[in-house]
Amino acid sequence: MNSWDIATYKDIDLAQIELVGMLQKSQNSAIDFLNDKPSNYLNPPELIIIGTGKAQHLPNPSLVAPLTRAGIGIEFMSTDAAARTYNVLMAEGRKVALGLILEKGV
């Protein structure tokens, strides 16, 4: 588990998402073009879930484009929905990563 010090959804960038997914960049090979879904990452999760606080906030599509090109699913939802979804997927044995923004107060 890594520490993810994000206070608001506006602070999320690709580097932060890669941290949540524990993504490690792979070395490109001269034959990568033969893969159906070329991935720039070693052993990535199927899905990265980002809980954006009390409300769902969607990112600019260009932020997640490198992940979708690599075949990694990414979902942004409210933090409570993200936690529930993560628990269901983990119970199914799926390879999923979770990053949550926790807001103070009620």
N, C-alpha and C. Protein backbone atom coordinates (compact mmCIF):
# COMPACT_ATOMS: atom_id res chain seq x y z
N MET A 1 0.85 -1.17 0.00
CA MET A 1 0.00 0.00 0.00
C MET A 1 0.90 1.23 0.00
N ASN A 2 0.60 2.15 -0.89
CA ASN A 2 1.34 3.40 -0.98
C ASN A 2 0.53 4.54 -0.37
N SER A 3 1.23 5.54 0.13
CA SER A 3 0.55 6.74 0.62
C SER A 3 0.18 7.61 -0.56
N TRP A 4 -1.06 8.06 -0.57
CA TRP A 4 -1.56 8.87 -1.67
C TRP A 4 -2.07 10.17 -1.07
N ASP A 5 -1.29 11.23 -1.18
CA ASP A 5 -1.59 12.49 -0.51
C ASP A 5 -2.27 13.45 -1.49
N ILE A 6 -3.52 13.14 -1.82
CA ILE A 6 -4.31 13.97 -2.73
C ILE A 6 -5.46 14.58 -1.93
N ALA A 7 -5.58 15.88 -1.97
CA ALA A 7 -6.62 16.56 -1.20
C ALA A 7 -7.89 16.79 -2.02
N THR A 8 -7.75 16.95 -3.33
CA THR A 8 -8.89 17.23 -4.19
C THR A 8 -8.68 16.57 -5.55
N TYR A 9 -9.77 16.30 -6.23
CA TYR A 9 -9.68 15.64 -7.53
C TYR A 9 -8.87 16.47 -8.53
N LYS A 10 -8.77 17.78 -8.31
CA LYS A 10 -7.99 18.63 -9.22
C LYS A 10 -6.49 18.35 -9.15
N ASP A 11 -6.06 17.68 -8.07
CA ASP A 11 -4.64 17.35 -7.90
C ASP A 11 -4.24 16.08 -8.63
N ILE A 12 -5.19 15.35 -9.18
CA ILE A 12 -4.89 14.07 -9.80
C ILE A 12 -4.28 14.29 -11.18
N ASP A 13 -3.14 13.65 -11.38
CA ASP A 13 -2.51 13.65 -12.70
C ASP A 13 -2.10 12.21 -13.01
N LEU A 14 -1.51 11.98 -14.17
CA LEU A 14 -1.16 10.63 -14.57
C LEU A 14 -0.18 9.99 -13.59
N ALA A 15 0.76 10.75 -13.09
CA ALA A 15 1.73 10.20 -12.14
C ALA A 15 1.04 9.70 -10.87
N GLN A 16 0.02 10.42 -10.41
CA GLN A 16 -0.72 10.01 -9.23
C GLN A 16 -1.51 8.73 -9.49
N ILE A 17 -2.10 8.62 -10.67
CA ILE A 17 -2.85 7.41 -11.02
C ILE A 17 -1.89 6.23 -11.14
N GLU A 18 -0.72 6.45 -11.73
CA GLU A 18 0.28 5.38 -11.82
C GLU A 18 0.72 4.94 -10.43
N LEU A 19 0.81 5.85 -9.49
CA LEU A 19 1.16 5.51 -8.11
C LEU A 19 0.08 4.60 -7.50
N VAL A 20 -1.18 4.97 -7.69
CA VAL A 20 -2.29 4.16 -7.15
C VAL A 20 -2.26 2.75 -7.73
N GLY A 21 -2.04 2.66 -9.03
CA GLY A 21 -2.03 1.36 -9.69
C GLY A 21 -0.72 0.61 -9.54
N MET A 22 0.25 1.21 -8.81
CA MET A 22 1.58 0.64 -8.65
C MET A 22 2.15 0.25 -10.02
N LEU A 23 1.96 1.13 -10.98
CA LEU A 23 2.39 0.86 -12.35
C LEU A 23 3.87 1.13 -12.52
N GLN A 24 4.55 0.17 -13.09
CA GLN A 24 5.96 0.30 -13.41
C GLN A 24 6.09 0.27 -14.92
N LYS A 25 6.77 1.25 -15.46
CA LYS A 25 6.93 1.31 -16.91
C LYS A 25 7.84 0.19 -17.40
N SER A 26 7.45 -0.38 -18.52
CA SER A 26 8.26 -1.44 -19.12
C SER A 26 9.16 -0.84 -20.19
N GLN A 27 10.18 -1.58 -20.53
CA GLN A 27 11.06 -1.17 -21.62
C GLN A 27 10.38 -1.52 -22.93
N ASN A 28 10.39 -0.59 -23.87
CA ASN A 28 9.80 -0.87 -25.17
C ASN A 28 10.70 -1.80 -25.97
N SER A 29 10.05 -2.66 -26.71
CA SER A 29 10.76 -3.62 -27.56
C SER A 29 10.49 -3.28 -29.01
N ALA A 30 11.38 -3.71 -29.88
CA ALA A 30 11.22 -3.45 -31.31
C ALA A 30 10.03 -4.20 -31.89
N ILE A 31 9.50 -5.21 -31.17
CA ILE A 31 8.37 -5.98 -31.70
C ILE A 31 7.07 -5.72 -30.95
N ASP A 32 7.01 -4.66 -30.17
CA ASP A 32 5.79 -4.32 -29.42
C ASP A 32 4.58 -4.14 -30.33
N PHE A 33 4.80 -3.75 -31.56
CA PHE A 33 3.69 -3.51 -32.48
C PHE A 33 2.91 -4.79 -32.77
N LEU A 34 3.46 -5.96 -32.46
CA LEU A 34 2.78 -7.23 -32.70
C LEU A 34 1.71 -7.53 -31.65
N ASN A 35 1.78 -6.87 -30.52
CA ASN A 35 0.79 -7.08 -29.46
C ASN A 35 -0.52 -6.43 -29.83
N ASP A 36 -1.64 -7.11 -29.49
CA ASP A 36 -2.96 -6.53 -29.75
C ASP A 36 -3.18 -5.27 -28.93
N LYS A 37 -2.80 -5.32 -27.66
CA LYS A 37 -2.94 -4.18 -26.76
C LYS A 37 -1.57 -3.88 -26.17
N PRO A 38 -0.78 -3.08 -26.85
CA PRO A 38 0.54 -2.80 -26.29
C PRO A 38 0.41 -2.09 -24.95
N SER A 39 1.18 -2.53 -23.98
CA SER A 39 1.15 -1.93 -22.66
C SER A 39 2.51 -1.37 -22.34
N ASN A 40 2.53 -0.20 -21.77
CA ASN A 40 3.78 0.41 -21.33
C ASN A 40 4.07 0.07 -19.88
N TYR A 41 3.29 -0.83 -19.31
CA TYR A 41 3.40 -1.13 -17.88
C TYR A 41 3.60 -2.62 -17.64
N LEU A 42 4.37 -2.93 -16.61
CA LEU A 42 4.58 -4.31 -16.20
C LEU A 42 3.50 -4.72 -15.21
N ASN A 43 2.83 -5.83 -15.49
CA ASN A 43 1.87 -6.43 -14.56
C ASN A 43 0.82 -5.43 -14.04
N PRO A 44 0.12 -4.73 -14.93
CA PRO A 44 -0.86 -3.73 -14.47
C PRO A 44 -2.14 -4.38 -13.94
N PRO A 45 -2.90 -3.66 -13.13
CA PRO A 45 -4.21 -4.16 -12.69
C PRO A 45 -5.19 -4.11 -13.86
N GLU A 46 -6.28 -4.85 -13.74
CA GLU A 46 -7.34 -4.78 -14.75
C GLU A 46 -8.02 -3.41 -14.70
N LEU A 47 -8.16 -2.90 -13.49
CA LEU A 47 -8.95 -1.70 -13.27
C LEU A 47 -8.33 -0.87 -12.15
N ILE A 48 -8.33 0.44 -12.36
CA ILE A 48 -7.96 1.39 -11.31
C ILE A 48 -9.22 2.19 -11.00
N ILE A 49 -9.59 2.22 -9.74
CA ILE A 49 -10.77 2.98 -9.30
C ILE A 49 -10.29 4.18 -8.50
N ILE A 50 -10.81 5.34 -8.85
CA ILE A 50 -10.47 6.57 -8.13
C ILE A 50 -11.74 7.12 -7.48
N GLY A 51 -11.72 7.22 -6.17
CA GLY A 51 -12.81 7.85 -5.43
C GLY A 51 -12.53 9.33 -5.29
N THR A 52 -13.40 10.15 -5.85
CA THR A 52 -13.13 11.59 -5.96
C THR A 52 -13.77 12.44 -4.86
N GLY A 53 -14.13 11.83 -3.75
CA GLY A 53 -14.74 12.59 -2.66
C GLY A 53 -16.23 12.32 -2.58
N LYS A 54 -16.95 13.27 -2.02
CA LYS A 54 -18.40 13.09 -1.84
C LYS A 54 -19.15 13.05 -3.16
N ALA A 55 -18.63 13.70 -4.18
CA ALA A 55 -19.27 13.72 -5.49
C ALA A 55 -18.34 13.11 -6.54
N GLN A 56 -18.93 12.61 -7.60
CA GLN A 56 -18.15 12.09 -8.71
C GLN A 56 -17.64 13.25 -9.55
N HIS A 57 -16.36 13.20 -9.87
CA HIS A 57 -15.75 14.19 -10.75
C HIS A 57 -15.02 13.42 -11.85
N LEU A 58 -15.34 13.73 -13.08
CA LEU A 58 -14.72 13.03 -14.20
C LEU A 58 -13.52 13.81 -14.72
N PRO A 59 -12.46 13.10 -15.10
CA PRO A 59 -11.26 13.78 -15.58
C PRO A 59 -11.37 14.15 -17.05
N ASN A 60 -10.45 14.96 -17.49
CA ASN A 60 -10.30 15.22 -18.91
C ASN A 60 -9.90 13.89 -19.56
N PRO A 61 -10.53 13.51 -20.67
CA PRO A 61 -10.19 12.22 -21.30
C PRO A 61 -8.72 12.06 -21.64
N SER A 62 -8.02 13.16 -21.90
CA SER A 62 -6.60 13.05 -22.23
C SER A 62 -5.78 12.54 -21.05
N LEU A 63 -6.28 12.72 -19.83
CA LEU A 63 -5.57 12.25 -18.64
C LEU A 63 -5.50 10.73 -18.61
N VAL A 64 -6.58 10.07 -18.96
CA VAL A 64 -6.64 8.62 -18.86
C VAL A 64 -6.33 7.90 -20.17
N ALA A 65 -6.14 8.64 -21.25
CA ALA A 65 -5.88 8.03 -22.56
C ALA A 65 -4.70 7.07 -22.55
N PRO A 66 -3.56 7.40 -21.92
CA PRO A 66 -2.44 6.44 -21.93
C PRO A 66 -2.80 5.12 -21.25
N LEU A 67 -3.65 5.17 -20.23
CA LEU A 67 -4.04 3.95 -19.53
C LEU A 67 -4.99 3.11 -20.37
N THR A 68 -5.95 3.76 -21.01
CA THR A 68 -6.88 3.00 -21.83
C THR A 68 -6.17 2.41 -23.05
N ARG A 69 -5.20 3.13 -23.60
CA ARG A 69 -4.41 2.57 -24.70
C ARG A 69 -3.62 1.35 -24.25
N ALA A 70 -3.25 1.33 -22.99
CA ALA A 70 -2.50 0.20 -22.44
C ALA A 70 -3.41 -0.95 -21.99
N GLY A 71 -4.72 -0.78 -22.16
CA GLY A 71 -5.66 -1.83 -21.79
C GLY A 71 -6.01 -1.86 -20.32
N ILE A 72 -5.76 -0.77 -19.61
CA ILE A 72 -6.07 -0.68 -18.18
C ILE A 72 -7.37 0.11 -18.03
N GLY A 73 -8.35 -0.49 -17.40
CA GLY A 73 -9.59 0.22 -17.14
C GLY A 73 -9.40 1.22 -16.02
N ILE A 74 -10.12 2.33 -16.12
CA ILE A 74 -10.05 3.34 -15.05
C ILE A 74 -11.44 3.94 -14.87
N GLU A 75 -11.86 4.02 -13.62
CA GLU A 75 -13.18 4.56 -13.28
C GLU A 75 -13.03 5.61 -12.19
N PHE A 76 -13.76 6.69 -12.35
CA PHE A 76 -13.83 7.75 -11.36
C PHE A 76 -15.25 7.77 -10.82
N MET A 77 -15.38 7.74 -9.50
CA MET A 77 -16.70 7.74 -8.87
C MET A 77 -16.58 8.35 -7.48
N SER A 78 -17.71 8.57 -6.84
CA SER A 78 -17.65 9.10 -5.48
C SER A 78 -16.88 8.11 -4.60
N THR A 79 -16.31 8.61 -3.53
CA THR A 79 -15.46 7.76 -2.68
C THR A 79 -16.24 6.60 -2.08
N ASP A 80 -17.47 6.84 -1.63
CA ASP A 80 -18.22 5.72 -1.04
C ASP A 80 -18.54 4.66 -2.08
N ALA A 81 -18.90 5.05 -3.29
CA ALA A 81 -19.17 4.09 -4.36
C ALA A 81 -17.89 3.36 -4.76
N ALA A 82 -16.78 4.07 -4.76
CA ALA A 82 -15.49 3.46 -5.12
C ALA A 82 -15.11 2.37 -4.12
N ALA A 83 -15.30 2.64 -2.85
CA ALA A 83 -14.97 1.65 -1.82
C ALA A 83 -15.84 0.41 -1.96
N ARG A 84 -17.14 0.60 -2.20
CA ARG A 84 -18.04 -0.55 -2.37
C ARG A 84 -17.65 -1.36 -3.61
N THR A 85 -17.39 -0.67 -4.71
CA THR A 85 -17.02 -1.35 -5.96
C THR A 85 -15.72 -2.13 -5.79
N TYR A 86 -14.75 -1.52 -5.15
CA TYR A 86 -13.47 -2.19 -4.89
C TYR A 86 -13.68 -3.49 -4.11
N ASN A 87 -14.48 -3.43 -3.05
CA ASN A 87 -14.71 -4.61 -2.22
C ASN A 87 -15.38 -5.73 -3.01
N VAL A 88 -16.34 -5.39 -3.85
CA VAL A 88 -17.01 -6.41 -4.66
C VAL A 88 -16.02 -7.05 -5.64
N LEU A 89 -15.23 -6.23 -6.32
CA LEU A 89 -14.28 -6.76 -7.30
C LEU A 89 -13.19 -7.59 -6.63
N MET A 90 -12.71 -7.17 -5.48
CA MET A 90 -11.70 -7.95 -4.77
C MET A 90 -12.28 -9.29 -4.31
N ALA A 91 -13.55 -9.30 -3.89
CA ALA A 91 -14.20 -10.55 -3.48
C ALA A 91 -14.31 -11.52 -4.65
N GLU A 92 -14.39 -10.97 -5.86
CA GLU A 92 -14.43 -11.80 -7.07
C GLU A 92 -13.04 -12.25 -7.51
N GLY A 93 -12.01 -11.80 -6.81
CA GLY A 93 -10.65 -12.18 -7.16
C GLY A 93 -10.05 -11.37 -8.30
N ARG A 94 -10.63 -10.23 -8.59
CA ARG A 94 -10.13 -9.39 -9.69
C ARG A 94 -8.92 -8.59 -9.24
N LYS A 95 -8.08 -8.25 -10.20
CA LYS A 95 -6.88 -7.46 -9.93
C LYS A 95 -7.25 -5.99 -10.10
N VAL A 96 -7.46 -5.31 -8.98
CA VAL A 96 -7.97 -3.94 -8.99
C VAL A 96 -7.17 -3.09 -8.01
N ALA A 97 -7.02 -1.82 -8.34
CA ALA A 97 -6.33 -0.86 -7.47
C ALA A 97 -7.31 0.25 -7.12
N LEU A 98 -7.09 0.88 -5.97
CA LEU A 98 -8.02 1.88 -5.46
C LEU A 98 -7.28 3.08 -4.89
N GLY A 99 -7.70 4.26 -5.28
CA GLY A 99 -7.22 5.51 -4.71
C GLY A 99 -8.43 6.30 -4.24
N LEU A 100 -8.39 6.75 -2.99
CA LEU A 100 -9.54 7.47 -2.42
C LEU A 100 -9.15 8.85 -1.95
N ILE A 101 -10.02 9.81 -2.23
CA ILE A 101 -9.90 11.14 -1.66
C ILE A 101 -10.88 11.17 -0.50
N LEU A 102 -10.35 11.39 0.69
CA LEU A 102 -11.17 11.42 1.89
C LEU A 102 -11.39 12.87 2.28
N GLU A 103 -12.65 13.28 2.32
CA GLU A 103 -12.98 14.66 2.68
C GLU A 103 -13.31 14.73 4.16
N LYS A 104 -12.85 15.77 4.80
CA LYS A 104 -13.12 15.97 6.22
C LYS A 104 -14.52 16.55 6.41
N GLY A 105 -15.11 16.23 7.54
CA GLY A 105 -16.43 16.76 7.85
C GLY A 105 -17.53 15.87 7.32
N VAL A 106 -18.76 16.25 7.64
CA VAL A 106 -19.92 15.45 7.25
C VAL A 106 -20.64 16.09 6.12
